[in-house]
PDB file of N, CA and C in Angstrom:
ATOM      1  N   UNK A   1     121.199  71.505 144.948  1.00  0.00           N
ATOM      2  CA  UNK A   1     120.713  72.564 144.365  1.00  0.00           C
ATOM      3  C   UNK A   1     120.221  73.474 145.632  1.00  0.00           C
ATOM      4  N   UNK A   2     120.408  74.715 145.482  1.00  0.00           N
ATOM      5  CA  UNK A   2     120.042  75.665 146.444  1.00  0.00           C
ATOM      6  C   UNK A   2     118.422  76.045 146.311  1.00  0.00           C
ATOM      7  N   UNK A   3     117.965  76.576 147.400  1.00  0.00           N
ATOM      8  CA  UNK A   3     116.464  76.920 147.439  1.00  0.00           C
ATOM      9  C   UNK A   3     116.501  78.306 146.862  1.00  0.00           C
ATOM     10  N   UNK A   4     115.844  78.329 145.540  1.00  0.00           N
ATOM     11  CA  UNK A   4     115.843  79.610 144.870  1.00  0.00           C
ATOM     12  C   UNK A   4     114.764  80.554 145.364  1.00  0.00           C
ATOM     13  N   UNK A   5     113.701  80.021 145.721  1.00  0.00           N
ATOM     14  CA  UNK A   5     112.526  80.798 146.361  1.00  0.00           C
ATOM     15  C   UNK A   5     112.919  81.462 147.477  1.00  0.00           C
ATOM     16  N   UNK A   6     113.680  80.838 148.329  1.00  0.00           N
ATOM     17  CA  UNK A   6     114.159  81.396 149.697  1.00  0.00           C
ATOM     18  C   UNK A   6     115.298  82.313 149.731  1.00  0.00           C
ATOM     19  N   UNK A   7     115.874  82.491 148.611  1.00  0.00           N
ATOM     20  CA  UNK A   7     117.017  83.392 148.404  1.00  0.00           C
ATOM     21  C   UNK A   7     116.511  84.857 148.479  1.00  0.00           C
ATOM     22  N   UNK A   8     117.298  85.565 149.322  1.00  0.00           N
ATOM     23  CA  UNK A   8     116.989  87.000 149.435  1.00  0.00           C
ATOM     24  C   UNK A   8     117.972  87.982 148.752  1.00  0.00           C
ATOM     25  N   UNK A   9     119.109  87.332 148.613  1.00  0.00           N
ATOM     26  CA  UNK A   9     120.262  88.262 147.972  1.00  0.00           C
ATOM     27  C   UNK A   9     120.488  87.617 146.520  1.00  0.00           C
ATOM     28  N   UNK A  10     119.566  87.955 145.619  1.00  0.00           N
ATOM     29  CA  UNK A  10     119.884  87.505 144.286  1.00  0.00           C
ATOM     30  C   UNK A  10     120.877  88.503 143.543  1.00  0.00           C
ATOM     31  N   UNK A  11     121.509  87.962 142.546  1.00  0.00           N
ATOM     32  CA  UNK A  11     122.340  88.745 141.845  1.00  0.00           C
ATOM     33  C   UNK A  11     121.514  89.425 140.830  1.00  0.00           C
ATOM     34  N   UNK A  12     122.018  90.764 140.401  1.00  0.00           N
ATOM     35  CA  UNK A  12     121.312  91.468 139.467  1.00  0.00           C
ATOM     36  C   UNK A  12     121.481  90.860 138.091  1.00  0.00           C
ATOM     37  N   UNK A  13     120.401  90.926 137.534  1.00  0.00           N
ATOM     38  CA  UNK A  13     120.425  90.293 136.093  1.00  0.00           C
ATOM     39  C   UNK A  13     121.230  91.389 135.173  1.00  0.00           C
ATOM     40  N   UNK A  14     120.946  92.698 135.373  1.00  0.00           N
ATOM     41  CA  UNK A  14     121.650  93.674 134.478  1.00  0.00           C
ATOM     42  C   UNK A  14     122.605  94.328 135.441  1.00  0.00           C
ATOM     43  N   UNK A  15     123.812  94.658 134.899  1.00  0.00           N
ATOM     44  CA  UNK A  15     124.772  95.360 135.871  1.00  0.00           C
ATOM     45  C   UNK A  15     124.266  96.837 136.086  1.00  0.00           C
ATOM     46  N   UNK A  16     124.514  97.146 137.272  1.00  0.00           N
ATOM     47  CA  UNK A  16     124.058  98.610 137.790  1.00  0.00           C
ATOM     48  C   UNK A  16     122.743  98.593 138.056  1.00  0.00           C
ATOM     49  N   UNK A  17     121.891  97.553 138.039  1.00  0.00           N
ATOM     50  CA  UNK A  17     120.523  97.627 138.443  1.00  0.00           C
ATOM     51  C   UNK A  17     120.347  97.377 139.865  1.00  0.00           C
ATOM     52  N   UNK A  18     119.122  97.808 140.455  1.00  0.00           N
ATOM     53  CA  UNK A  18     118.842  97.695 141.728  1.00  0.00           C
ATOM     54  C   UNK A  18     118.546  96.149 142.202  1.00  0.00           C
ATOM     55  N   UNK A  19     118.594  95.905 143.474  1.00  0.00           N
ATOM     56  CA  UNK A  19     118.263  94.498 143.896  1.00  0.00           C
ATOM     57  C   UNK A  19     116.865  94.241 143.607  1.00  0.00           C
ATOM     58  N   UNK A  20     116.631  92.846 143.235  1.00  0.00           N
ATOM     59  CA  UNK A  20     115.251  92.527 142.970  1.00  0.00           C
ATOM     60  C   UNK A  20     114.542  92.099 144.149  1.00  0.00           C
ATOM     61  N   UNK A  21     115.025  91.924 145.280  1.00  0.00           N
ATOM     62  CA  UNK A  21     114.427  91.568 146.531  1.00  0.00           C
ATOM     63  C   UNK A  21     113.570  92.488 147.260  1.00  0.00           C
ATOM     64  N   UNK A  22     113.680  93.823 146.890  1.00  0.00           N
ATOM     65  CA  UNK A  22     112.900  94.910 147.559  1.00  0.00           C
ATOM     66  C   UNK A  22     111.439  94.824 147.229  1.00  0.00           C
ATOM     67  N   UNK A  23     110.609  94.698 148.229  1.00  0.00           N
ATOM     68  CA  UNK A  23     109.176  94.616 148.179  1.00  0.00           C
ATOM     69  C   UNK A  23     108.573  95.929 147.672  1.00  0.00           C
ATOM     70  N   UNK A  24     109.243  96.994 148.205  1.00  0.00           N
ATOM     71  CA  UNK A  24     108.737  98.320 147.822  1.00  0.00           C
ATOM     72  C   UNK A  24     108.786  98.606 146.286  1.00  0.00           C
ATOM     73  N   UNK A  25     109.920  98.020 145.760  1.00  0.00           N
ATOM     74  CA  UNK A  25     110.174  98.239 144.347  1.00  0.00           C
ATOM     75  C   UNK A  25     109.069  97.319 143.541  1.00  0.00           C
ATOM     76  N   UNK A  26     108.816  96.147 144.023  1.00  0.00           N
ATOM     77  CA  UNK A  26     107.714  95.418 143.404  1.00  0.00           C
ATOM     78  C   UNK A  26     106.434  96.143 143.448  1.00  0.00           C
ATOM     79  N   UNK A  27     106.088  96.768 144.662  1.00  0.00           N
ATOM     80  CA  UNK A  27     104.816  97.502 144.823  1.00  0.00           C
ATOM     81  C   UNK A  27     104.635  98.777 143.921  1.00  0.00           C
ATOM     82  N   UNK A  28     105.861  99.419 143.770  1.00  0.00           N
ATOM     83  CA  UNK A  28     105.879 100.503 142.800  1.00  0.00           C
ATOM     84  C   UNK A  28     105.650 100.073 141.238  1.00  0.00           C
ATOM     85  N   UNK A  29     106.223  99.004 141.018  1.00  0.00           N
ATOM     86  CA  UNK A  29     106.058  98.415 139.629  1.00  0.00           C
ATOM     87  C   UNK A  29     104.682  98.120 139.227  1.00  0.00           C
ATOM     88  N   UNK A  30     104.064  97.553 140.306  1.00  0.00           N
ATOM     89  CA  UNK A  30     102.659  97.001 140.128  1.00  0.00           C
ATOM     90  C   UNK A  30     101.730  98.230 140.087  1.00  0.00           C
ATOM     91  N   UNK A  31     101.998  99.302 140.817  1.00  0.00           N
ATOM     92  CA  UNK A  31     101.242 100.539 140.782  1.00  0.00           C
ATOM     93  C   UNK A  31     101.503 101.260 139.445  1.00  0.00           C
ATOM     94  N   UNK A  32     102.663 101.291 138.946  1.00  0.00           N
ATOM     95  CA  UNK A  32     102.810 101.906 137.656  1.00  0.00           C
ATOM     96  C   UNK A  32     102.267 101.182 136.557  1.00  0.00           C
ATOM     97  N   UNK A  33     102.282  99.900 136.550  1.00  0.00           N
ATOM     98  CA  UNK A  33     101.623  99.033 135.625  1.00  0.00           C
ATOM     99  C   UNK A  33     100.070  99.289 135.580  1.00  0.00           C
ATOM    100  N   UNK A  34      99.514  99.418 136.754  1.00  0.00           N
ATOM    101  CA  UNK A  34      98.040  99.687 136.758  1.00  0.00           C
ATOM    102  C   UNK A  34      97.791 100.992 136.222  1.00  0.00           C
ATOM    103  N   UNK A  35      98.573 102.014 136.539  1.00  0.00           N
ATOM    104  CA  UNK A  35      98.337 103.364 135.877  1.00  0.00           C
ATOM    105  C   UNK A  35      98.437 103.290 134.373  1.00  0.00           C
ATOM    106  N   UNK A  36      99.349 102.660 133.830  1.00  0.00           N
ATOM    107  CA  UNK A  36      99.538 102.582 132.405  1.00  0.00           C
ATOM    108  C   UNK A  36      98.375 101.684 131.737  1.00  0.00           C
ATOM    109  N   UNK A  37      97.811 100.742 132.323  1.00  0.00           N
ATOM    110  CA  UNK A  37      96.824  99.921 131.785  1.00  0.00           C
ATOM    111  C   UNK A  37      95.527 100.024 132.372  1.00  0.00           C
ATOM    112  N   UNK A  38      95.143 101.304 132.646  1.00  0.00           N
ATOM    113  CA  UNK A  38      93.750 101.542 133.218  1.00  0.00           C
ATOM    114  C   UNK A  38      92.694 101.367 132.039  1.00  0.00           C
ATOM    115  N   UNK A  39      91.438 101.400 132.439  1.00  0.00           N
ATOM    116  CA  UNK A  39      90.285 101.065 131.590  1.00  0.00           C
ATOM    117  C   UNK A  39      90.304 102.087 130.407  1.00  0.00           C
ATOM    118  N   UNK A  40      90.549 103.352 130.672  1.00  0.00           N
ATOM    119  CA  UNK A  40      90.496 104.384 129.730  1.00  0.00           C
ATOM    120  C   UNK A  40      91.497 104.242 128.577  1.00  0.00           C
ATOM    121  N   UNK A  41      92.659 103.753 128.996  1.00  0.00           N
ATOM    122  CA  UNK A  41      93.765 103.607 128.080  1.00  0.00           C
ATOM    123  C   UNK A  41      93.514 102.395 127.433  1.00  0.00           C
ATOM    124  N   UNK A  42      92.886 101.205 128.053  1.00  0.00           N
ATOM    125  CA  UNK A  42      92.553 100.054 127.282  1.00  0.00           C
ATOM    126  C   UNK A  42      91.611 100.346 126.227  1.00  0.00           C
ATOM    127  N   UNK A  43      90.590 101.010 126.500  1.00  0.00           N
ATOM    128  CA  UNK A  43      89.488 101.380 125.449  1.00  0.00           C
ATOM    129  C   UNK A  43      90.016 102.198 124.276  1.00  0.00           C
ATOM    130  N   UNK A  44      90.867 103.146 124.584  1.00  0.00           N
ATOM    131  CA  UNK A  44      91.664 103.892 123.628  1.00  0.00           C
ATOM    132  C   UNK A  44      92.520 103.174 122.663  1.00  0.00           C
ATOM    133  N   UNK A  45      93.243 102.202 123.310  1.00  0.00           N
ATOM    134  CA  UNK A  45      94.051 101.250 122.480  1.00  0.00           C
ATOM    135  C   UNK A  45      93.099 100.343 121.423  1.00  0.00           C
ATOM    136  N   UNK A  46      92.172  99.854 122.193  1.00  0.00           N
ATOM    137  CA  UNK A  46      91.251  99.021 121.400  1.00  0.00           C
ATOM    138  C   UNK A  46      90.668  99.689 120.170  1.00  0.00           C
ATOM    139  N   UNK A  47      90.107 100.987 120.414  1.00  0.00           N
ATOM    140  CA  UNK A  47      89.644 101.664 119.315  1.00  0.00           C
ATOM    141  C   UNK A  47      90.487 101.980 118.136  1.00  0.00           C
ATOM    142  N   UNK A  48      91.822 102.262 118.568  1.00  0.00           N
ATOM    143  CA  UNK A  48      92.785 102.604 117.436  1.00  0.00           C
ATOM    144  C   UNK A  48      93.265 101.273 116.769  1.00  0.00           C
ATOM    145  N   UNK A  49      93.299 100.154 117.571  1.00  0.00           N
ATOM    146  CA  UNK A  49      93.707  98.896 116.802  1.00  0.00           C
ATOM    147  C   UNK A  49      92.551  98.292 115.999  1.00  0.00           C
ATOM    148  N   UNK A  50      91.298  98.557 116.478  1.00  0.00           N
ATOM    149  CA  UNK A  50      90.215  97.937 115.639  1.00  0.00           C
ATOM    150  C   UNK A  50      89.930  98.634 114.379  1.00  0.00           C
ATOM    151  N   UNK A  51      90.232 100.055 114.431  1.00  0.00           N
ATOM    152  CA  UNK A  51      90.107 100.652 113.135  1.00  0.00           C
ATOM    153  C   UNK A  51      91.232 100.356 112.136  1.00  0.00           C
ATOM    154  N   UNK A  52      92.390 100.007 112.694  1.00  0.00           N
ATOM    155  CA  UNK A  52      93.585  99.719 111.726  1.00  0.00           C
ATOM    156  C   UNK A  52      93.215  98.239 111.256  1.00  0.00           C
ATOM    157  N   UNK A  53      92.482  97.326 111.970  1.00  0.00           N
ATOM    158  CA  UNK A  53      92.328  95.901 111.617  1.00  0.00           C
ATOM    159  C   UNK A  53      91.204  95.781 110.587  1.00  0.00           C
ATOM    160  N   UNK A  54      90.417  96.749 110.299  1.00  0.00           N
ATOM    161  CA  UNK A  54      89.324  96.689 109.399  1.00  0.00           C
ATOM    162  C   UNK A  54      89.798  96.832 107.931  1.00  0.00           C
ATOM    163  N   UNK A  55      89.309  95.947 107.031  1.00  0.00           N
ATOM    164  CA  UNK A  55      89.608  95.956 105.600  1.00  0.00           C
ATOM    165  C   UNK A  55      88.409  96.108 104.828  1.00  0.00           C
ATOM    166  N   UNK A  56      88.362  97.128 103.945  1.00  0.00           N
ATOM    167  CA  UNK A  56      87.159  97.270 103.168  1.00  0.00           C
ATOM    168  C   UNK A  56      87.437  96.814 101.748  1.00  0.00           C
ATOM    169  N   UNK A  57      86.559  95.842 101.316  1.00  0.00           N
ATOM    170  CA  UNK A  57      86.749  95.381  99.904  1.00  0.00           C
ATOM    171  C   UNK A  57      85.580  95.832  99.066  1.00  0.00           C
ATOM    172  N   UNK A  58      85.971  96.328  97.855  1.00  0.00           N
ATOM    173  CA  UNK A  58      84.909  96.974  97.117  1.00  0.00           C
ATOM    174  C   UNK A  58      83.976  96.007  96.471  1.00  0.00           C
ATOM    175  N   UNK A  59      82.706  96.433  95.963  1.00  0.00           N
ATOM    176  CA  UNK A  59      81.864  95.474  95.499  1.00  0.00           C
ATOM    177  C   UNK A  59      82.366  94.922  94.066  1.00  0.00           C
ATOM    178  N   UNK A  60      83.119  95.623  93.480  1.00  0.00           N
ATOM    179  CA  UNK A  60      83.774  95.182  92.179  1.00  0.00           C
ATOM    180  C   UNK A  60      84.681  94.068  92.404  1.00  0.00           C
ATOM    181  N   UNK A  61      85.452  94.187  93.477  1.00  0.00           N
ATOM    182  CA  UNK A  61      86.406  92.956  93.813  1.00  0.00           C
ATOM    183  C   UNK A  61      85.666  91.767  94.119  1.00  0.00           C
ATOM    184  N   UNK A  62      84.557  91.949  94.980  1.00  0.00           N
ATOM    185  CA  UNK A  62      83.784  90.808  95.411  1.00  0.00           C
ATOM    186  C   UNK A  62      83.075  90.083  94.268  1.00  0.00           C
ATOM    187  N   UNK A  63      82.608  90.970  93.250  1.00  0.00           N
ATOM    188  CA  UNK A  63      82.045  90.355  92.094  1.00  0.00           C
ATOM    189  C   UNK A  63      82.991  89.640  91.234  1.00  0.00           C
ATOM    190  N   UNK A  64      84.264  90.188  91.138  1.00  0.00           N
ATOM    191  CA  UNK A  64      85.261  89.427  90.299  1.00  0.00           C
ATOM    192  C   UNK A  64      85.646  88.056  91.022  1.00  0.00           C
ATOM    193  N   UNK A  65      85.618  88.176  92.400  1.00  0.00           N
ATOM    194  CA  UNK A  65      86.011  86.882  93.127  1.00  0.00           C
ATOM    195  C   UNK A  65      84.911  85.958  92.875  1.00  0.00           C
ATOM    196  N   UNK A  66      83.609  86.262  92.919  1.00  0.00           N
ATOM    197  CA  UNK A  66      82.453  85.232  92.592  1.00  0.00           C
ATOM    198  C   UNK A  66      82.689  84.806  91.193  1.00  0.00           C
ATOM    199  N   UNK A  67      82.863  85.592  90.211  1.00  0.00           N
ATOM    200  CA  UNK A  67      83.005  85.170  88.790  1.00  0.00           C
ATOM    201  C   UNK A  67      84.174  84.223  88.667  1.00  0.00           C
ATOM    202  N   UNK A  68      85.336  84.552  89.253  1.00  0.00           N
ATOM    203  CA  UNK A  68      86.435  83.678  89.184  1.00  0.00           C
ATOM    204  C   UNK A  68      86.110  82.294  89.765  1.00  0.00           C
ATOM    205  N   UNK A  69      85.383  82.251  90.874  1.00  0.00           N
ATOM    206  CA  UNK A  69      85.179  81.023  91.390  1.00  0.00           C
ATOM    207  C   UNK A  69      84.267  80.160  90.652  1.00  0.00           C
ATOM    208  N   UNK A  70      83.265  80.847  89.910  1.00  0.00           N
ATOM    209  CA  UNK A  70      82.352  80.220  88.964  1.00  0.00           C
ATOM    210  C   UNK A  70      83.093  79.607  87.797  1.00  0.00           C
ATOM    211  N   UNK A  71      83.999  80.386  87.311  1.00  0.00           N
ATOM    212  CA  UNK A  71      84.830  79.970  86.047  1.00  0.00           C
ATOM    213  C   UNK A  71      85.690  78.847  86.547  1.00  0.00           C
ATOM    214  N   UNK A  72      86.353  78.926  87.590  1.00  0.00           N
ATOM    215  CA  UNK A  72      87.191  77.846  88.025  1.00  0.00           C
ATOM    216  C   UNK A  72      86.460  76.547  88.207  1.00  0.00           C
ATOM    217  N   UNK A  73      85.243  76.599  88.745  1.00  0.00           N
ATOM    218  CA  UNK A  73      84.497  75.451  88.960  1.00  0.00           C
ATOM    219  C   UNK A  73      83.859  74.936  87.645  1.00  0.00           C
ATOM    220  N   UNK A  74      83.719  75.655  86.613  1.00  0.00           N
ATOM    221  CA  UNK A  74      83.101  75.067  85.302  1.00  0.00           C
ATOM    222  C   UNK A  74      84.035  74.089  84.666  1.00  0.00           C
ATOM    223  N   UNK A  75      83.611  73.054  84.069  1.00  0.00           N
ATOM    224  CA  UNK A  75      84.464  72.074  83.379  1.00  0.00           C
ATOM    225  C   UNK A  75      85.051  72.886  82.127  1.00  0.00           C
ATOM    226  N   UNK A  76      86.327  72.307  81.786  1.00  0.00           N
ATOM    227  CA  UNK A  76      87.009  72.806  80.638  1.00  0.00           C
ATOM    228  C   UNK A  76      86.127  72.431  79.405  1.00  0.00           C
ATOM    229  N   UNK A  77      86.032  73.234  78.356  1.00  0.00           N
ATOM    230  CA  UNK A  77      85.339  72.974  77.013  1.00  0.00           C
ATOM    231  C   UNK A  77      86.378  72.403  76.105  1.00  0.00           C
ATOM    232  N   UNK A  78      86.117  71.212  75.569  1.00  0.00           N
ATOM    233  CA  UNK A  78      87.010  70.736  74.505  1.00  0.00           C
ATOM    234  C   UNK A  78      86.770  71.063  73.206  1.00  0.00           C
ATOM    235  N   UNK A  79      87.471  72.007  72.541  1.00  0.00           N
ATOM    236  CA  UNK A  79      87.070  72.478  71.157  1.00  0.00           C
ATOM    237  C   UNK A  79      88.005  71.781  70.029  1.00  0.00           C
ATOM    238  N   UNK A  80      88.786  70.859  70.513  1.00  0.00           N
ATOM    239  CA  UNK A  80      89.711  70.255  69.595  1.00  0.00           C
ATOM    240  C   UNK A  80      89.203  69.599  68.347  1.00  0.00           C
ATOM    241  N   UNK A  81      87.965  68.935  68.551  1.00  0.00           N
ATOM    242  CA  UNK A  81      87.288  68.388  67.385  1.00  0.00           C
ATOM    243  C   UNK A  81      86.892  69.400  66.241  1.00  0.00           C
ATOM    244  N   UNK A  82      86.361  70.630  66.870  1.00  0.00           N
ATOM    245  CA  UNK A  82      85.821  71.617  66.005  1.00  0.00           C
ATOM    246  C   UNK A  82      86.893  72.324  65.356  1.00  0.00           C
ATOM    247  N   UNK A  83      88.031  72.471  66.040  1.00  0.00           N
ATOM    248  CA  UNK A  83      89.296  73.130  65.361  1.00  0.00           C
ATOM    249  C   UNK A  83      89.892  72.188  64.319  1.00  0.00           C
ATOM    250  N   UNK A  84      89.992  70.876  64.550  1.00  0.00           N
ATOM    251  CA  UNK A  84      90.389  70.003  63.635  1.00  0.00           C
ATOM    252  C   UNK A  84      89.523  70.075  62.316  1.00  0.00           C
ATOM    253  N   UNK A  85      88.245  70.117  62.526  1.00  0.00           N
ATOM    254  CA  UNK A  85      87.293  70.147  61.232  1.00  0.00           C
ATOM    255  C   UNK A  85      87.455  71.321  60.433  1.00  0.00           C
ATOM    256  N   UNK A  86      87.628  72.567  61.246  1.00  0.00           N
ATOM    257  CA  UNK A  86      87.887  73.779  60.591  1.00  0.00           C
ATOM    258  C   UNK A  86      89.163  73.739  59.720  1.00  0.00           C
ATOM    259  N   UNK A  87      90.284  73.235  60.337  1.00  0.00           N
ATOM    260  CA  UNK A  87      91.523  73.158  59.704  1.00  0.00           C
ATOM    261  C   UNK A  87      91.443  72.217  58.461  1.00  0.00           C
ATOM    262  N   UNK A  88      90.772  71.212  58.537  1.00  0.00           N
ATOM    263  CA  UNK A  88      90.578  70.311  57.397  1.00  0.00           C
ATOM    264  C   UNK A  88      89.842  71.045  56.266  1.00  0.00           C
ATOM    265  N   UNK A  89      88.879  71.676  56.672  1.00  0.00           N
ATOM    266  CA  UNK A  89      87.992  72.569  55.645  1.00  0.00           C
ATOM    267  C   UNK A  89      88.855  73.520  54.907  1.00  0.00           C
ATOM    268  N   UNK A  90      89.782  74.222  55.739  1.00  0.00           N
ATOM    269  CA  UNK A  90      90.531  75.420  55.173  1.00  0.00           C
ATOM    270  C   UNK A  90      91.519  74.770  54.282  1.00  0.00           C
ATOM    271  N   UNK A  91      92.239  73.682  54.676  1.00  0.00           N
ATOM    272  CA  UNK A  91      93.366  73.091  53.941  1.00  0.00           C
ATOM    273  C   UNK A  91      92.602  72.480  52.663  1.00  0.00           C
ATOM    274  N   UNK A  92      91.471  71.989  52.719  1.00  0.00           N
ATOM    275  CA  UNK A  92      90.863  71.297  51.587  1.00  0.00           C
ATOM    276  C   UNK A  92      90.081  72.420  50.649  1.00  0.00           C
ATOM    277  N   UNK A  93      90.155  73.624  51.067  1.00  0.00           N
ATOM    278  CA  UNK A  93      89.550  74.638  50.206  1.00  0.00           C
ATOM    279  C   UNK A  93      88.007  74.658  50.139  1.00  0.00           C
ATOM    280  N   UNK A  94      87.228  74.125  51.203  1.00  0.00           N
ATOM    281  CA  UNK A  94      85.897  73.951  51.203  1.00  0.00           C
ATOM    282  C   UNK A  94      85.363  74.974  52.162  1.00  0.00           C
ATOM    283  N   UNK A  95      86.046  75.577  52.954  1.00  0.00           N
ATOM    284  CA  UNK A  95      85.618  76.560  54.014  1.00  0.00           C
ATOM    285  C   UNK A  95      85.017  77.674  53.405  1.00  0.00           C
ATOM    286  N   UNK A  96      83.705  78.026  53.713  1.00  0.00           N
ATOM    287  CA  UNK A  96      83.059  79.194  53.276  1.00  0.00           C
ATOM    288  C   UNK A  96      82.961  80.194  54.312  1.00  0.00           C
ATOM    289  N   UNK A  97      83.442  81.372  54.154  1.00  0.00           N
ATOM    290  CA  UNK A  97      83.358  82.420  55.209  1.00  0.00           C
ATOM    291  C   UNK A  97      82.076  83.278  54.942  1.00  0.00           C
ATOM    292  N   UNK A  98      81.430  83.559  56.022  1.00  0.00           N
ATOM    293  CA  UNK A  98      80.308  84.591  55.980  1.00  0.00           C
ATOM    294  C   UNK A  98      80.828  85.880  56.253  1.00  0.00           C
ATOM    295  N   UNK A  99      81.083  86.611  55.267  1.00  0.00           N
ATOM    296  CA  UNK A  99      81.589  87.949  55.414  1.00  0.00           C
ATOM    297  C   UNK A  99      80.739  88.996  56.051  1.00  0.00           C
ATOM    298  N   UNK A 100      79.472  88.862  55.869  1.00  0.00           N
ATOM    299  CA  UNK A 100      78.448  89.837  56.495  1.00  0.00           C
ATOM    300  C   UNK A 100      78.438  89.477  58.030  1.00  0.00           C
ATOM    301  N   UNK A 101      78.439  88.363  58.408  1.00  0.00           N
ATOM    302  CA  UNK A 101      78.377  88.028  59.809  1.00  0.00           C
ATOM    303  C   UNK A 101      79.617  88.414  60.416  1.00  0.00           C
ATOM    304  N   UNK A 102      80.757  88.325  59.769  1.00  0.00           N
ATOM    305  CA  UNK A 102      82.137  88.783  60.373  1.00  0.00           C
ATOM    306  C   UNK A 102      82.035  90.233  60.450  1.00  0.00           C
ATOM    307  N   UNK A 103      81.531  90.971  59.484  1.00  0.00           N
ATOM    308  CA  UNK A 103      81.525  92.449  59.524  1.00  0.00           C
ATOM    309  C   UNK A 103      80.432  92.974  60.648  1.00  0.00           C
ATOM    310  N   UNK A 104      79.390  92.242  60.891  1.00  0.00           N
ATOM    311  CA  UNK A 104      78.505  92.522  61.941  1.00  0.00           C
ATOM    312  C   UNK A 104      79.197  92.518  63.334  1.00  0.00           C
ATOM    313  N   UNK A 105      79.966  91.365  63.483  1.00  0.00           N
ATOM    314  CA  UNK A 105      80.657  91.076  64.790  1.00  0.00           C
ATOM    315  C   UNK A 105      81.640  92.261  64.960  1.00  0.00           C
ATOM    316  N   UNK A 106      82.438  92.570  63.946  1.00  0.00           N
ATOM    317  CA  UNK A 106      83.502  93.711  64.006  1.00  0.00           C
ATOM    318  C   UNK A 106      82.809  94.978  64.464  1.00  0.00           C
ATOM    319  N   UNK A 107      81.681  95.253  63.812  1.00  0.00           N
ATOM    320  CA  UNK A 107      80.971  96.568  64.104  1.00  0.00           C
ATOM    321  C   UNK A 107      80.403  96.500  65.582  1.00  0.00           C
ATOM    322  N   UNK A 108      79.936  95.316  65.944  1.00  0.00           N
ATOM    323  CA  UNK A 108      79.408  95.242  67.335  1.00  0.00           C
ATOM    324  C   UNK A 108      80.552  95.425  68.435  1.00  0.00           C
ATOM    325  N   UNK A 109      81.662  95.021  68.048  1.00  0.00           N
ATOM    326  CA  UNK A 109      82.805  95.085  69.074  1.00  0.00           C
ATOM    327  C   UNK A 109      83.311  96.655  69.180  1.00  0.00           C
ATOM    328  N   UNK A 110      83.061  97.304  68.044  1.00  0.00           N
ATOM    329  CA  UNK A 110      83.479  98.684  68.079  1.00  0.00           C
ATOM    330  C   UNK A 110      82.629  99.603  68.975  1.00  0.00           C
ATOM    331  N   UNK A 111      81.383  99.262  69.222  1.00  0.00           N
ATOM    332  CA  UNK A 111      80.424 100.016  69.827  1.00  0.00           C
ATOM    333  C   UNK A 111      80.518  99.716  71.160  1.00  0.00           C
TER     334      UNK A 111
END
C-alpha cells in the first residue's frame, strides 16, 4: 500500500476541480471559514434558533394534562352489581322512579 500522507499529487475528487495539495488554497479556506463563523454570526444564529426552539403550552392544556394523569391513575369503578340490580328491578316491575329528582337534574343541566 502506498503512503497516502506523503502523496503530493492526489487525484481530484470532483472532475474539473483544483488540486488539493495547494497549501495556499487550504489557508484561504480556513480564512473564509473563520469569516463565516465569527462570534457575531454565531450569536445571531443562536438567537434565531433559540426562538424557534421554544414552545409555549397554554395553562388550559397543562390543566388538562394534569387531570388526565389523575384520571388514568385512578382505579376503575365496577358498577356491574348496581346495573344488574337495576335491571332486575326494572324487569320485575318494582323500580320506582323519582320524577322530581329527575326534573331537578334536567333543569340543572340546562343552566
